[in-house]
Structure formats: structure tokens, C-alpha cells
Amino acid sequence: MRPIVPLSIVVVVAIIVGIMGTSNYDIYVTERDQRNLQLAVDDCKKLFPQGMDQEECITKSLDVFGTDYQKEQWNQRDIYSINP
């Protein structure tokens, strides 16, 4: 049997496993960041009374762990609270 056929099968299987591993890693990272964001926001609420310090803490937590959509929603909240 030619060595090219088994080698090509191994390469195809390795590529498929690599693609599956990458997609699973992206899901894991997203879940981890959301869990860390929730914990950080909970800590901000416990550490600071409502006000500027708490909002600044939450904003920094969003900058680190939040998605673009979550950041946009947080900024929209600021706009609506200033201009009702």
C-alpha cells in the first residue's frame, strides 16, 4: 500500500480534530469570561455603595470581560439616565 494514502487520512483527521478543538475553546473562553464578569460585577456591588465608584468598577469589569454588545448596553444606560 502506498504511504501517501494513510498519511493523507491522518492529515485530514488531524485537521478535523483541530477545527473541533478550536471551536470548543472559543465556547469555553466565552463562558469563562461571562462567569468572571458576573463575579466581578457582584464584587463591585459588594465593595462600593451605589454611585460613581461602583459604576467605574463595573465599567472596568466590562472592559476586561464584557462583549461589545454588553459594553454598548452599559453605555446606552448612561445616555438614557442623562437624557430621559
N, C-alpha and C. Protein backbone atom coordinates (compact mmCIF):
# COMPACT_ATOMS: atom_id res chain seq x y z
N MET A 1 0.84 -1.18 0.00
CA MET A 1 0.00 0.00 0.00
C MET A 1 0.88 1.24 0.00
N ARG A 2 0.47 2.22 -0.69
CA ARG A 2 1.26 3.44 -0.79
C ARG A 2 1.22 4.20 0.54
N PRO A 3 2.32 4.79 0.93
CA PRO A 3 2.34 5.53 2.19
C PRO A 3 1.59 6.87 2.10
N ILE A 4 1.25 7.30 0.91
CA ILE A 4 0.56 8.58 0.75
C ILE A 4 -0.88 8.50 1.25
N VAL A 5 -1.56 7.38 1.02
CA VAL A 5 -2.96 7.24 1.41
C VAL A 5 -3.12 7.30 2.93
N PRO A 6 -2.39 6.49 3.72
CA PRO A 6 -2.55 6.59 5.19
C PRO A 6 -2.12 7.96 5.72
N LEU A 7 -1.09 8.52 5.12
CA LEU A 7 -0.64 9.83 5.55
C LEU A 7 -1.70 10.90 5.30
N SER A 8 -2.34 10.85 4.16
CA SER A 8 -3.38 11.83 3.84
C SER A 8 -4.58 11.66 4.76
N ILE A 9 -4.91 10.42 5.12
CA ILE A 9 -6.01 10.18 6.07
C ILE A 9 -5.67 10.78 7.43
N VAL A 10 -4.45 10.58 7.89
CA VAL A 10 -4.01 11.13 9.17
C VAL A 10 -4.07 12.65 9.15
N VAL A 11 -3.67 13.27 8.06
CA VAL A 11 -3.69 14.72 7.95
C VAL A 11 -5.12 15.24 7.98
N VAL A 12 -6.03 14.60 7.27
CA VAL A 12 -7.43 15.02 7.26
C VAL A 12 -8.03 14.89 8.65
N VAL A 13 -7.78 13.78 9.33
CA VAL A 13 -8.30 13.60 10.69
C VAL A 13 -7.72 14.65 11.63
N ALA A 14 -6.45 14.96 11.51
CA ALA A 14 -5.81 15.98 12.36
C ALA A 14 -6.44 17.35 12.12
N ILE A 15 -6.74 17.67 10.89
CA ILE A 15 -7.37 18.96 10.59
C ILE A 15 -8.76 19.03 11.20
N ILE A 16 -9.53 17.97 11.09
CA ILE A 16 -10.88 17.94 11.65
C ILE A 16 -10.82 18.08 13.17
N VAL A 17 -9.92 17.35 13.81
CA VAL A 17 -9.77 17.44 15.27
C VAL A 17 -9.34 18.85 15.67
N GLY A 18 -8.45 19.44 14.90
CA GLY A 18 -8.01 20.81 15.20
C GLY A 18 -9.14 21.82 15.10
N ILE A 19 -9.97 21.70 14.09
CA ILE A 19 -11.11 22.61 13.93
C ILE A 19 -12.10 22.44 15.08
N MET A 20 -12.38 21.21 15.45
CA MET A 20 -13.30 20.96 16.56
C MET A 20 -12.73 21.49 17.87
N GLY A 21 -11.45 21.31 18.08
CA GLY A 21 -10.82 21.80 19.30
C GLY A 21 -10.86 23.31 19.39
N THR A 22 -10.65 23.99 18.29
CA THR A 22 -10.69 25.45 18.28
C THR A 22 -12.07 25.97 18.60
N SER A 23 -13.10 25.38 18.02
CA SER A 23 -14.46 25.85 18.29
C SER A 23 -14.84 25.60 19.74
N ASN A 24 -14.44 24.47 20.30
CA ASN A 24 -14.72 24.20 21.71
C ASN A 24 -13.98 25.18 22.60
N TYR A 25 -12.78 25.56 22.24
CA TYR A 25 -12.01 26.51 23.04
C TYR A 25 -12.68 27.88 23.04
N ASP A 26 -13.20 28.31 21.89
CA ASP A 26 -13.90 29.60 21.82
C ASP A 26 -15.12 29.61 22.73
N ILE A 27 -15.86 28.51 22.74
CA ILE A 27 -17.04 28.40 23.62
C ILE A 27 -16.60 28.46 25.07
N TYR A 28 -15.55 27.75 25.41
CA TYR A 28 -15.04 27.75 26.78
C TYR A 28 -14.61 29.15 27.21
N VAL A 29 -13.90 29.87 26.35
CA VAL A 29 -13.43 31.21 26.69
C VAL A 29 -14.61 32.15 26.90
N THR A 30 -15.63 32.06 26.06
CA THR A 30 -16.81 32.90 26.21
C THR A 30 -17.51 32.63 27.53
N GLU A 31 -17.70 31.36 27.86
CA GLU A 31 -18.35 31.01 29.12
C GLU A 31 -17.51 31.47 30.31
N ARG A 32 -16.20 31.31 30.22
CA ARG A 32 -15.32 31.73 31.31
C ARG A 32 -15.39 33.24 31.51
N ASP A 33 -15.35 34.00 30.42
CA ASP A 33 -15.40 35.46 30.53
C ASP A 33 -16.73 35.93 31.11
N GLN A 34 -17.83 35.29 30.74
CA GLN A 34 -19.13 35.69 31.27
C GLN A 34 -19.23 35.37 32.76
N ARG A 35 -18.68 34.24 33.16
CA ARG A 35 -18.68 33.88 34.58
C ARG A 35 -17.82 34.86 35.36
N ASN A 36 -16.66 35.22 34.83
CA ASN A 36 -15.78 36.17 35.51
C ASN A 36 -16.41 37.57 35.56
N LEU A 37 -17.12 37.96 34.50
CA LEU A 37 -17.80 39.25 34.50
C LEU A 37 -18.86 39.29 35.58
N GLN A 38 -19.65 38.23 35.70
CA GLN A 38 -20.69 38.20 36.73
C GLN A 38 -20.08 38.28 38.12
N LEU A 39 -19.00 37.56 38.35
CA LEU A 39 -18.34 37.62 39.65
C LEU A 39 -17.76 39.01 39.92
N ALA A 40 -17.18 39.64 38.91
CA ALA A 40 -16.60 40.97 39.08
C ALA A 40 -17.68 42.01 39.38
N VAL A 41 -18.81 41.93 38.68
CA VAL A 41 -19.91 42.87 38.92
C VAL A 41 -20.48 42.66 40.32
N ASP A 42 -20.62 41.40 40.74
CA ASP A 42 -21.09 41.13 42.10
C ASP A 42 -20.14 41.71 43.13
N ASP A 43 -18.83 41.58 42.90
CA ASP A 43 -17.85 42.16 43.81
C ASP A 43 -17.95 43.68 43.84
N CYS A 44 -18.16 44.30 42.68
CA CYS A 44 -18.31 45.76 42.63
C CYS A 44 -19.50 46.21 43.47
N LYS A 45 -20.58 45.47 43.39
CA LYS A 45 -21.79 45.82 44.14
C LYS A 45 -21.58 45.64 45.64
N LYS A 46 -20.76 44.66 46.03
CA LYS A 46 -20.49 44.44 47.45
C LYS A 46 -19.48 45.45 47.99
N LEU A 47 -18.49 45.82 47.18
CA LEU A 47 -17.41 46.69 47.65
C LEU A 47 -17.79 48.16 47.72
N PHE A 48 -18.61 48.60 46.76
CA PHE A 48 -18.90 50.03 46.66
C PHE A 48 -20.39 50.28 46.78
N PRO A 49 -20.76 51.36 47.50
CA PRO A 49 -22.17 51.74 47.51
C PRO A 49 -22.55 52.28 46.13
N GLN A 50 -23.85 52.35 45.85
CA GLN A 50 -24.27 52.86 44.55
C GLN A 50 -23.70 54.25 44.35
N GLY A 51 -23.19 54.48 43.17
CA GLY A 51 -22.60 55.78 42.86
C GLY A 51 -21.50 55.63 41.84
N MET A 52 -20.69 56.66 41.77
CA MET A 52 -19.65 56.72 40.74
C MET A 52 -18.60 55.62 40.90
N ASP A 53 -18.20 55.32 42.14
CA ASP A 53 -17.18 54.28 42.34
C ASP A 53 -17.68 52.92 41.85
N GLN A 54 -18.93 52.59 42.17
CA GLN A 54 -19.48 51.32 41.72
C GLN A 54 -19.60 51.29 40.20
N GLU A 55 -20.06 52.37 39.60
CA GLU A 55 -20.19 52.42 38.14
C GLU A 55 -18.82 52.31 37.47
N GLU A 56 -17.82 52.96 38.04
CA GLU A 56 -16.47 52.88 37.47
C GLU A 56 -15.93 51.45 37.57
N CYS A 57 -16.20 50.79 38.67
CA CYS A 57 -15.77 49.41 38.86
C CYS A 57 -16.44 48.49 37.84
N ILE A 58 -17.73 48.67 37.64
CA ILE A 58 -18.47 47.85 36.67
C ILE A 58 -17.97 48.13 35.26
N THR A 59 -17.72 49.40 34.95
CA THR A 59 -17.21 49.76 33.62
C THR A 59 -15.87 49.08 33.36
N LYS A 60 -14.99 49.10 34.34
CA LYS A 60 -13.69 48.44 34.17
C LYS A 60 -13.84 46.93 34.01
N SER A 61 -14.77 46.34 34.74
CA SER A 61 -15.03 44.90 34.61
C SER A 61 -15.54 44.57 33.21
N LEU A 62 -16.43 45.43 32.69
CA LEU A 62 -16.93 45.23 31.33
C LEU A 62 -15.81 45.37 30.31
N ASP A 63 -14.90 46.31 30.54
CA ASP A 63 -13.79 46.49 29.60
C ASP A 63 -12.93 45.23 29.52
N VAL A 64 -12.79 44.53 30.63
CA VAL A 64 -11.94 43.35 30.66
C VAL A 64 -12.68 42.10 30.16
N PHE A 65 -13.89 41.88 30.67
CA PHE A 65 -14.58 40.62 30.41
C PHE A 65 -15.79 40.73 29.49
N GLY A 66 -16.29 41.92 29.26
CA GLY A 66 -17.55 42.08 28.54
C GLY A 66 -17.42 41.98 27.03
N THR A 67 -18.54 41.66 26.40
CA THR A 67 -18.60 41.65 24.95
C THR A 67 -18.88 43.07 24.46
N ASP A 68 -18.71 43.28 23.18
CA ASP A 68 -19.01 44.61 22.62
C ASP A 68 -20.47 44.98 22.85
N TYR A 69 -21.36 44.01 22.72
CA TYR A 69 -22.79 44.26 22.93
C TYR A 69 -23.06 44.69 24.37
N GLN A 70 -22.45 44.01 25.33
CA GLN A 70 -22.65 44.36 26.73
C GLN A 70 -22.11 45.76 27.03
N LYS A 71 -20.97 46.11 26.45
CA LYS A 71 -20.41 47.44 26.64
C LYS A 71 -21.35 48.50 26.06
N GLU A 72 -21.90 48.21 24.88
CA GLU A 72 -22.82 49.14 24.24
C GLU A 72 -24.07 49.33 25.10
N GLN A 73 -24.59 48.25 25.65
CA GLN A 73 -25.77 48.35 26.52
C GLN A 73 -25.47 49.17 27.76
N TRP A 74 -24.30 48.99 28.33
CA TRP A 74 -23.92 49.76 29.52
C TRP A 74 -23.81 51.24 29.18
N ASN A 75 -23.23 51.55 28.03
CA ASN A 75 -23.12 52.95 27.62
C ASN A 75 -24.48 53.55 27.28
N GLN A 76 -25.39 52.77 26.71
CA GLN A 76 -26.74 53.25 26.42
C GLN A 76 -27.46 53.58 27.72
N ARG A 77 -27.22 52.82 28.75
CA ARG A 77 -27.81 53.09 30.06
C ARG A 77 -27.38 54.47 30.54
N ASP A 78 -26.12 54.82 30.32
CA ASP A 78 -25.63 56.14 30.72
C ASP A 78 -26.32 57.24 29.94
N ILE A 79 -26.53 57.04 28.65
CA ILE A 79 -27.18 58.05 27.81
C ILE A 79 -28.62 58.24 28.26
N TYR A 80 -29.33 57.14 28.53
CA TYR A 80 -30.73 57.26 28.93
C TYR A 80 -30.88 57.85 30.32
N SER A 81 -29.91 57.64 31.19
CA SER A 81 -30.02 58.21 32.54
C SER A 81 -29.74 59.72 32.52
N ILE A 82 -28.96 60.17 31.52
CA ILE A 82 -28.67 61.61 31.42
C ILE A 82 -29.80 62.32 30.70
N ASN A 83 -30.30 61.72 29.61
CA ASN A 83 -31.35 62.34 28.80
C ASN A 83 -32.61 61.47 28.84
N PRO A 84 -33.46 61.64 29.84
CA PRO A 84 -34.64 60.78 29.94
C PRO A 84 -35.65 61.08 28.86
